[in-house]
PDB file of all heavy atoms in Angstrom:
ATOM      1  N   GLY A   1      58.887 275.289 164.244  1.00  0.00           N
ATOM      2  CA  GLY A   1      59.918 275.953 164.976  1.00  0.00           C
ATOM      3  C   GLY A   1      60.651 277.065 164.184  1.00  0.00           C
ATOM      4  O   GLY A   1      61.287 277.892 164.754  1.00  0.00           O
ATOM      5  N   ARG A   2      60.579 276.985 162.868  1.00  0.00           N
ATOM      6  CA  ARG A   2      61.171 277.925 161.982  1.00  0.00           C
ATOM      7  C   ARG A   2      60.568 277.854 160.600  1.00  0.00           C
ATOM      8  O   ARG A   2      60.185 276.763 160.179  1.00  0.00           O
ATOM      9  CB  ARG A   2      62.720 277.763 161.968  1.00  0.00           C
ATOM     10  CG  ARG A   2      63.422 278.866 161.207  1.00  0.00           C
ATOM     11  CD  ARG A   2      64.873 278.846 161.556  1.00  0.00           C
ATOM     12  NE  ARG A   2      65.675 279.860 160.804  1.00  0.00           N
ATOM     13  CZ  ARG A   2      66.912 280.235 161.036  1.00  0.00           C
ATOM     14  NH1 ARG A   2      67.578 279.688 162.077  1.00  0.00           N
ATOM     15  NH2 ARG A   2      67.493 281.128 160.285  1.00  0.00           N
ATOM     16  N   THR A   3      60.461 278.952 159.866  1.00  0.00           N
ATOM     17  CA  THR A   3      59.858 278.910 158.549  1.00  0.00           C
ATOM     18  C   THR A   3      60.830 278.230 157.569  1.00  0.00           C
ATOM     19  O   THR A   3      62.065 278.473 157.590  1.00  0.00           O
ATOM     20  CB  THR A   3      59.496 280.315 158.080  1.00  0.00           C
ATOM     21  OG1 THR A   3      60.699 281.092 158.048  1.00  0.00           O
ATOM     22  CG2 THR A   3      58.508 280.937 158.976  1.00  0.00           C
ATOM     23  N   VAL A   4      60.289 277.489 156.614  1.00  0.00           N
ATOM     24  CA  VAL A   4      61.105 276.815 155.645  1.00  0.00           C
ATOM     25  C   VAL A   4      61.776 277.829 154.705  1.00  0.00           C
ATOM     26  O   VAL A   4      62.783 277.533 154.072  1.00  0.00           O
ATOM     27  CB  VAL A   4      60.274 275.789 154.831  1.00  0.00           C
ATOM     28  CG1 VAL A   4      59.832 274.673 155.737  1.00  0.00           C
ATOM     29  CG2 VAL A   4      59.069 276.463 154.164  1.00  0.00           C
ATOM     30  N   SER A   5      61.141 278.986 154.541  1.00  0.00           N
ATOM     31  CA  SER A   5      61.727 280.035 153.678  1.00  0.00           C
ATOM     32  C   SER A   5      63.039 280.616 154.288  1.00  0.00           C
ATOM     33  O   SER A   5      63.790 281.252 153.558  1.00  0.00           O
ATOM     34  CB  SER A   5      60.735 281.153 153.448  1.00  0.00           C
ATOM     35  OG  SER A   5      60.364 281.795 154.642  1.00  0.00           O
ATOM     36  N   SER A   6      63.246 280.421 155.550  1.00  0.00           N
ATOM     37  CA  SER A   6      64.454 280.918 156.210  1.00  0.00           C
ATOM     38  C   SER A   6      65.546 279.837 156.364  1.00  0.00           C
ATOM     39  O   SER A   6      66.556 280.089 156.934  1.00  0.00           O
ATOM     40  CB  SER A   6      64.167 281.504 157.539  1.00  0.00           C
ATOM     41  OG  SER A   6      63.734 280.557 158.479  1.00  0.00           O
ATOM     42  N   LEU A   7      65.290 278.679 155.808  1.00  0.00           N
ATOM     43  CA  LEU A   7      66.137 277.510 155.943  1.00  0.00           C
ATOM     44  C   LEU A   7      66.577 277.020 154.572  1.00  0.00           C
ATOM     45  O   LEU A   7      65.861 277.223 153.596  1.00  0.00           O
ATOM     46  CB  LEU A   7      65.514 276.364 156.748  1.00  0.00           C
ATOM     47  CG  LEU A   7      65.229 276.587 158.190  1.00  0.00           C
ATOM     48  CD1 LEU A   7      64.231 275.530 158.693  1.00  0.00           C
ATOM     49  CD2 LEU A   7      66.466 276.562 159.015  1.00  0.00           C
ATOM     50  N   ASN A   8      67.745 276.397 154.529  1.00  0.00           N
ATOM     51  CA  ASN A   8      68.087 275.644 153.325  1.00  0.00           C
ATOM     52  C   ASN A   8      67.587 274.213 153.538  1.00  0.00           C
ATOM     53  O   ASN A   8      67.993 273.529 154.491  1.00  0.00           O
ATOM     54  CB  ASN A   8      69.612 275.625 153.184  1.00  0.00           C
ATOM     55  CG  ASN A   8      70.160 276.981 152.762  1.00  0.00           C
ATOM     56  OD1 ASN A   8      70.115 277.310 151.600  1.00  0.00           O
ATOM     57  ND2 ASN A   8      70.680 277.696 153.703  1.00  0.00           N
ATOM     58  N   MET A   9      66.638 273.806 152.692  1.00  0.00           N
ATOM     59  CA  MET A   9      66.017 272.476 152.851  1.00  0.00           C
ATOM     60  C   MET A   9      66.512 271.531 151.798  1.00  0.00           C
ATOM     61  O   MET A   9      66.926 271.913 150.710  1.00  0.00           O
ATOM     62  CB  MET A   9      64.488 272.641 152.705  1.00  0.00           C
ATOM     63  CG  MET A   9      63.854 273.710 153.611  1.00  0.00           C
ATOM     64  SD  MET A   9      63.949 273.186 155.357  1.00  0.00           S
ATOM     65  CE  MET A   9      62.924 271.703 155.327  1.00  0.00           C
ATOM     66  N   ALA A  10      66.456 270.243 152.129  1.00  0.00           N
ATOM     67  CA  ALA A  10      66.951 269.216 151.199  1.00  0.00           C
ATOM     68  C   ALA A  10      66.234 267.848 151.449  1.00  0.00           C
ATOM     69  O   ALA A  10      65.633 267.688 152.495  1.00  0.00           O
ATOM     70  CB  ALA A  10      68.445 269.041 151.335  1.00  0.00           C
ATOM     71  N   TRP A  11      66.337 267.031 150.436  1.00  0.00           N
ATOM     72  CA  TRP A  11      65.907 265.657 150.514  1.00  0.00           C
ATOM     73  C   TRP A  11      67.119 264.754 150.255  1.00  0.00           C
ATOM     74  O   TRP A  11      67.887 264.947 149.379  1.00  0.00           O
ATOM     75  CB  TRP A  11      64.823 265.335 149.502  1.00  0.00           C
ATOM     76  CG  TRP A  11      63.501 265.943 149.792  1.00  0.00           C
ATOM     77  CD1 TRP A  11      62.958 267.075 149.310  1.00  0.00           C
ATOM     78  CD2 TRP A  11      62.487 265.331 150.634  1.00  0.00           C
ATOM     79  NE1 TRP A  11      61.735 267.278 149.769  1.00  0.00           N
ATOM     80  CE2 TRP A  11      61.380 266.261 150.611  1.00  0.00           C
ATOM     81  CE3 TRP A  11      62.364 264.187 151.385  1.00  0.00           C
ATOM     82  CZ2 TRP A  11      60.180 266.047 151.345  1.00  0.00           C
ATOM     83  CZ3 TRP A  11      61.199 263.955 152.112  1.00  0.00           C
ATOM     84  CH2 TRP A  11      60.155 264.862 152.061  1.00  0.00           C
ATOM     85  N   PHE A  12      67.235 263.744 151.122  1.00  0.00           N
ATOM     86  CA  PHE A  12      68.170 262.627 151.001  1.00  0.00           C
ATOM     87  C   PHE A  12      67.454 261.373 150.944  1.00  0.00           C
ATOM     88  O   PHE A  12      66.313 261.253 151.310  1.00  0.00           O
ATOM     89  CB  PHE A  12      69.171 262.669 152.182  1.00  0.00           C
ATOM     90  CG  PHE A  12      70.103 263.838 152.202  1.00  0.00           C
ATOM     91  CD1 PHE A  12      69.752 265.110 152.678  1.00  0.00           C
ATOM     92  CD2 PHE A  12      71.439 263.697 151.746  1.00  0.00           C
ATOM     93  CE1 PHE A  12      70.584 266.144 152.713  1.00  0.00           C
ATOM     94  CE2 PHE A  12      72.315 264.765 151.773  1.00  0.00           C
ATOM     95  CZ  PHE A  12      71.913 265.991 152.285  1.00  0.00           C
ATOM     96  N   ARG A  13      68.122 260.294 150.502  1.00  0.00           N
ATOM     97  CA  ARG A  13      67.529 259.003 150.498  1.00  0.00           C
ATOM     98  C   ARG A  13      68.579 257.937 150.768  1.00  0.00           C
ATOM     99  O   ARG A  13      69.744 258.158 150.563  1.00  0.00           O
ATOM    100  CB  ARG A  13      66.828 258.670 149.197  1.00  0.00           C
ATOM    101  CG  ARG A  13      67.804 258.526 147.953  1.00  0.00           C
ATOM    102  CD  ARG A  13      66.993 258.328 146.702  1.00  0.00           C
ATOM    103  NE  ARG A  13      67.808 258.131 145.550  1.00  0.00           N
ATOM    104  CZ  ARG A  13      67.372 258.010 144.327  1.00  0.00           C
ATOM    105  NH1 ARG A  13      66.046 258.116 144.060  1.00  0.00           N
ATOM    106  NH2 ARG A  13      68.184 257.807 143.288  1.00  0.00           N
ATOM    107  N   GLN A  14      68.141 256.796 151.330  1.00  0.00           N
ATOM    108  CA  GLN A  14      69.018 255.699 151.648  1.00  0.00           C
ATOM    109  C   GLN A  14      68.438 254.418 151.152  1.00  0.00           C
ATOM    110  O   GLN A  14      67.469 253.880 151.788  1.00  0.00           O
ATOM    111  CB  GLN A  14      69.316 255.628 153.166  1.00  0.00           C
ATOM    112  CG  GLN A  14      70.317 254.590 153.528  1.00  0.00           C
ATOM    113  CD  GLN A  14      70.749 254.763 155.023  1.00  0.00           C
ATOM    114  OE1 GLN A  14      70.099 255.396 155.822  1.00  0.00           O
ATOM    115  NE2 GLN A  14      71.864 254.120 155.341  1.00  0.00           N
ATOM    116  N   PRO A  15      68.951 253.854 150.041  1.00  0.00           N
ATOM    117  CA  PRO A  15      68.472 252.539 149.566  1.00  0.00           C
ATOM    118  C   PRO A  15      68.775 251.457 150.485  1.00  0.00           C
ATOM    119  O   PRO A  15      69.721 251.598 151.320  1.00  0.00           O
ATOM    120  CB  PRO A  15      69.228 252.408 148.217  1.00  0.00           C
ATOM    121  CG  PRO A  15      69.643 253.798 147.842  1.00  0.00           C
ATOM    122  CD  PRO A  15      69.912 254.460 149.136  1.00  0.00           C
ATOM    123  N   PRO A  16      68.116 250.314 150.419  1.00  0.00           N
ATOM    124  CA  PRO A  16      68.385 249.197 151.327  1.00  0.00           C
ATOM    125  C   PRO A  16      69.856 248.746 151.207  1.00  0.00           C
ATOM    126  O   PRO A  16      70.361 248.465 150.086  1.00  0.00           O
ATOM    127  CB  PRO A  16      67.457 248.095 150.840  1.00  0.00           C
ATOM    128  CG  PRO A  16      66.343 248.862 150.158  1.00  0.00           C
ATOM    129  CD  PRO A  16      66.971 250.037 149.524  1.00  0.00           C
ATOM    130  N   GLY A  17      70.531 248.670 152.371  1.00  0.00           N
ATOM    131  CA  GLY A  17      71.910 248.183 152.382  1.00  0.00           C
ATOM    132  C   GLY A  17      72.947 249.161 151.820  1.00  0.00           C
ATOM    133  O   GLY A  17      74.094 248.765 151.696  1.00  0.00           O
ATOM    134  N   LYS A  18      72.588 250.394 151.521  1.00  0.00           N
ATOM    135  CA  LYS A  18      73.437 251.340 150.939  1.00  0.00           C
ATOM    136  C   LYS A  18      73.566 252.583 151.812  1.00  0.00           C
ATOM    137  O   LYS A  18      72.802 252.791 152.734  1.00  0.00           O
ATOM    138  CB  LYS A  18      73.070 251.724 149.543  1.00  0.00           C
ATOM    139  CG  LYS A  18      73.071 250.520 148.559  1.00  0.00           C
ATOM    140  CD  LYS A  18      72.649 250.937 147.165  1.00  0.00           C
ATOM    141  CE  LYS A  18      72.668 249.755 146.186  1.00  0.00           C
ATOM    142  NZ  LYS A  18      72.313 250.161 144.837  1.00  0.00           N
ATOM    143  N   GLU A  19      74.495 253.453 151.472  1.00  0.00           N
ATOM    144  CA  GLU A  19      74.709 254.690 152.229  1.00  0.00           C
ATOM    145  C   GLU A  19      73.738 255.749 151.755  1.00  0.00           C
ATOM    146  O   GLU A  19      73.157 255.738 150.703  1.00  0.00           O
ATOM    147  CB  GLU A  19      76.143 255.179 152.081  1.00  0.00           C
ATOM    148  CG  GLU A  19      76.547 255.543 150.664  1.00  0.00           C
ATOM    149  CD  GLU A  19      77.998 255.911 150.503  1.00  0.00           C
ATOM    150  OE1 GLU A  19      78.784 255.640 151.524  1.00  0.00           O
ATOM    151  OE2 GLU A  19      78.376 256.482 149.511  1.00  0.00           O
ATOM    152  N   ARG A  20      73.547 256.759 152.672  1.00  0.00           N
ATOM    153  CA  ARG A  20      72.642 257.838 152.351  1.00  0.00           C
ATOM    154  C   ARG A  20      73.204 258.703 151.210  1.00  0.00           C
ATOM    155  O   ARG A  20      74.410 258.903 151.139  1.00  0.00           O
ATOM    156  CB  ARG A  20      72.411 258.674 153.626  1.00  0.00           C
ATOM    157  CG  ARG A  20      71.367 259.721 153.478  1.00  0.00           C
ATOM    158  CD  ARG A  20      71.197 260.407 154.812  1.00  0.00           C
ATOM    159  NE  ARG A  20      70.850 259.507 155.909  1.00  0.00           N
ATOM    160  CZ  ARG A  20      70.849 259.784 157.193  1.00  0.00           C
ATOM    161  NH1 ARG A  20      71.209 260.996 157.604  1.00  0.00           N
ATOM    162  NH2 ARG A  20      70.463 258.880 158.086  1.00  0.00           N
ATOM    163  N   GLU A  21      72.318 259.201 150.342  1.00  0.00           N
ATOM    164  CA  GLU A  21      72.760 259.989 149.210  1.00  0.00           C
ATOM    165  C   GLU A  21      71.884 261.214 149.051  1.00  0.00           C
ATOM    166  O   GLU A  21      70.692 261.251 149.409  1.00  0.00           O
ATOM    167  CB  GLU A  21      72.752 259.194 147.932  1.00  0.00           C
ATOM    168  CG  GLU A  21      71.403 258.681 147.479  1.00  0.00           C
ATOM    169  CD  GLU A  21      71.428 257.854 146.288  1.00  0.00           C
ATOM    170  OE1 GLU A  21      72.521 257.256 145.973  1.00  0.00           O
ATOM    171  OE2 GLU A  21      70.384 257.666 145.553  1.00  0.00           O
ATOM    172  N   PHE A  22      72.433 262.294 148.476  1.00  0.00           N
ATOM    173  CA  PHE A  22      71.770 263.524 148.249  1.00  0.00           C
ATOM    174  C   PHE A  22      70.775 263.365 147.103  1.00  0.00           C
ATOM    175  O   PHE A  22      71.050 262.681 146.117  1.00  0.00           O
ATOM    176  CB  PHE A  22      72.779 264.606 147.927  1.00  0.00           C
ATOM    177  CG  PHE A  22      72.174 265.886 147.399  1.00  0.00           C
ATOM    178  CD1 PHE A  22      71.589 266.807 148.220  1.00  0.00           C
ATOM    179  CD2 PHE A  22      72.190 266.141 146.006  1.00  0.00           C
ATOM    180  CE1 PHE A  22      71.019 267.967 147.749  1.00  0.00           C
ATOM    181  CE2 PHE A  22      71.647 267.302 145.511  1.00  0.00           C
ATOM    182  CZ  PHE A  22      71.056 268.202 146.359  1.00  0.00           C
ATOM    183  N   VAL A  23      69.572 264.042 147.222  1.00  0.00           N
ATOM    184  CA  VAL A  23      68.583 263.985 146.144  1.00  0.00           C
ATOM    185  C   VAL A  23      68.320 265.369 145.620  1.00  0.00           C
ATOM    186  O   VAL A  23      68.442 265.594 144.395  1.00  0.00           O
ATOM    187  CB  VAL A  23      67.278 263.411 146.680  1.00  0.00           C
ATOM    188  CG1 VAL A  23      66.212 263.455 145.628  1.00  0.00           C
ATOM    189  CG2 VAL A  23      67.500 261.901 147.176  1.00  0.00           C
ATOM    190  N   ALA A  24      67.937 266.348 146.434  1.00  0.00           N
ATOM    191  CA  ALA A  24      67.619 267.650 145.977  1.00  0.00           C
ATOM    192  C   ALA A  24      67.691 268.652 147.082  1.00  0.00           C
ATOM    193  O   ALA A  24      67.552 268.324 148.273  1.00  0.00           O
ATOM    194  CB  ALA A  24      66.223 267.651 145.352  1.00  0.00           C
ATOM    195  N   THR A  25      67.827 269.940 146.728  1.00  0.00           N
ATOM    196  CA  THR A  25      67.837 271.016 147.711  1.00  0.00           C
ATOM    197  C   THR A  25      67.160 272.202 147.231  1.00  0.00           C
ATOM    198  O   THR A  25      67.094 272.472 145.993  1.00  0.00           O
ATOM    199  CB  THR A  25      69.284 271.340 148.161  1.00  0.00           C
ATOM    200  OG1 THR A  25      69.277 272.282 149.227  1.00  0.00           O
ATOM    201  CG2 THR A  25      70.095 271.956 146.979  1.00  0.00           C
ATOM    202  N   ILE A  26      66.639 273.066 148.082  1.00  0.00           N
ATOM    203  CA  ILE A  26      65.983 274.301 147.756  1.00  0.00           C
ATOM    204  C   ILE A  26      66.481 275.394 148.763  1.00  0.00           C
ATOM    205  O   ILE A  26      66.515 275.175 149.943  1.00  0.00           O
ATOM    206  CB  ILE A  26      64.426 274.204 147.732  1.00  0.00           C
ATOM    207  CG1 ILE A  26      63.870 275.515 147.251  1.00  0.00           C
ATOM    208  CG2 ILE A  26      63.916 273.792 149.062  1.00  0.00           C
ATOM    209  CD1 ILE A  26      62.309 275.354 146.932  1.00  0.00           C
ATOM    210  N   GLY A  27      66.880 276.572 148.210  1.00  0.00           N
ATOM    211  CA  GLY A  27      67.445 277.639 149.017  1.00  0.00           C
ATOM    212  C   GLY A  27      66.350 278.607 149.534  1.00  0.00           C
ATOM    213  O   GLY A  27      65.186 278.311 149.495  1.00  0.00           O
ATOM    214  N   TRP A  28      66.834 279.749 149.983  1.00  0.00           N
ATOM    215  CA  TRP A  28      65.913 280.762 150.476  1.00  0.00           C
ATOM    216  C   TRP A  28      65.016 281.278 149.365  1.00  0.00           C
ATOM    217  O   TRP A  28      63.910 281.699 149.617  1.00  0.00           O
ATOM    218  CB  TRP A  28      66.706 281.962 151.137  1.00  0.00           C
ATOM    219  CG  TRP A  28      67.591 282.695 150.187  1.00  0.00           C
ATOM    220  CD1 TRP A  28      68.895 282.451 149.901  1.00  0.00           C
ATOM    221  CD2 TRP A  28      67.169 283.791 149.382  1.00  0.00           C
ATOM    222  NE1 TRP A  28      69.370 283.332 149.012  1.00  0.00           N
ATOM    223  CE2 TRP A  28      68.366 284.181 148.609  1.00  0.00           C
ATOM    224  CE3 TRP A  28      66.016 284.543 149.212  1.00  0.00           C
ATOM    225  CZ2 TRP A  28      68.336 285.250 147.748  1.00  0.00           C
ATOM    226  CZ3 TRP A  28      66.022 285.572 148.352  1.00  0.00           C
ATOM    227  CH2 TRP A  28      67.141 285.965 147.605  1.00  0.00           C
ATOM    228  N   SER A  29      65.529 281.282 148.185  1.00  0.00           N
ATOM    229  CA  SER A  29      64.756 281.585 146.997  1.00  0.00           C
ATOM    230  C   SER A  29      64.183 280.309 146.423  1.00  0.00           C
ATOM    231  O   SER A  29      64.953 279.341 146.155  1.00  0.00           O
ATOM    232  CB  SER A  29      65.575 282.324 145.940  1.00  0.00           C
ATOM    233  OG  SER A  29      64.860 282.471 144.740  1.00  0.00           O
ATOM    234  N   ALA A  30      62.872 280.198 146.199  1.00  0.00           N
ATOM    235  CA  ALA A  30      62.249 279.000 145.690  1.00  0.00           C
ATOM    236  C   ALA A  30      62.790 278.572 144.375  1.00  0.00           C
ATOM    237  O   ALA A  30      62.743 277.364 144.007  1.00  0.00           O
ATOM    238  CB  ALA A  30      60.711 279.165 145.612  1.00  0.00           C
TER     239      ALA A  30
END
């Protein structure tokens, strides 16, 4: 639906029984 190069992309994770947390992000520039 849209190129990843035009989006701010990120990874999050949620351990068992815990809240979601930030892991990593990549901007328009790799």
